[in-house]
Amino acid sequence: MGLDLRADPIALTAALVDIPSESRHEQLIADEIEAALRAQAPWFEVIRNGDAVLARTHLGRSSRVMLAGHIDTVPAAENLPSHIADGELWGCGTSDMKSGDAVFLHLAATITEPSHDITLVMYDCEEIESSANGLGRIERELPDWLTADVAILGEPSGGYIEAGCQGTIRVVVSAAGTRAHSARSWLGDNAIHKLGAVLDRLTAYEPRSVDIDGCVYREGLSAVRIDGGIAGNVIPDAASVTVNFRFAPDRSVEQAVAHVHEVFDGLDVSIVLTDAAAGALPGLAKPAAAALVAAAGGAVRAKYGWTDVSRFAA
């Protein structure tokens, strides 16, 4: 028995959860979603891209809204099949994000005359490394499918519209010294001690808060890893701190990197960028987005963290 897209969204969520769909193993759930859309929402053009299912209307509306949700989950941890306890639905991927997928699929099958043209993107491999993300493949192979006036990503948000997202970079801040035996420590130069100044800068750092379209993005600069040391009796000649900067979307990646260099200016360290992802502006001034906010009663706030919404804003 296939998916019933017109069923109560809670029941549809449970049905989606009960189809195992760990990252890289989404073929079965993609097959089920594709078949259901073709049978129950014939006004959509439906195509397949790997283990992603894409559908869109061609109603000639003046604007297009994209509804996007990933169909993979992290590995199950003895939390399948789904079940209801104390009025709550439990199961692997229930909130992230089979419930969002269920709402989007239900809308696709039940609203035959939407105010906007609709694009539905159900994609694979979101929960693993960014290079495997199905949206990246779709962007390369089917870029026209990602064109819309506003994109809604079905990540859990506590019932709020969480607009835009922060950008993120990681850098490794390294200090060099001279190795020596700890019994004659004065003959060496302790690289770990040099990192004390780096940690002092991080401790004293005052993060910026930025209001964009009524959403306040608070930045953060944090040490997330320390590496150093050779043996219990050796003065280390190398040590490093990995620093993560979560920045407001009014900064570009290049501006964020420059800011981190400013923070550690004057210290005897090297800085190497190891990971970067741009943020996304909220874009709430656009008519389709403003209409969404109004429909939600103004329940909107900034998205803290990075999400795939940034890919749609690029």
Foldseek 3Di string as FASTA:
>chain_A
DAQDLQDDLVVSLLVLLQPAAAFPRQQVVLVRLQVNCVVQQVQWDWDDDPSKIKIWHDPPAPFEEEEEAESHFHDWDPFPNWDDDPNDITGTCSVRPSSSVSVVSSCSRPPNDDNHIYMYMYWGDQVDDPVPTRVVVCCVVPVVSLDGLYYDYRHDDPLFAAFWEWKKWKKKKKFFKAKDFQVPCVVIGARVVLCVVVVVLQVPDDWDWDAAPNAIDTKHKDFDDKDWDDDPGMRTGMIITMIMITGDQVDFQVRVVVVVCVSCPPGRIDMDIDDIDHIAGRPCVRPVNVVVCVVSVNRYYHHYDHDCVSVSRD
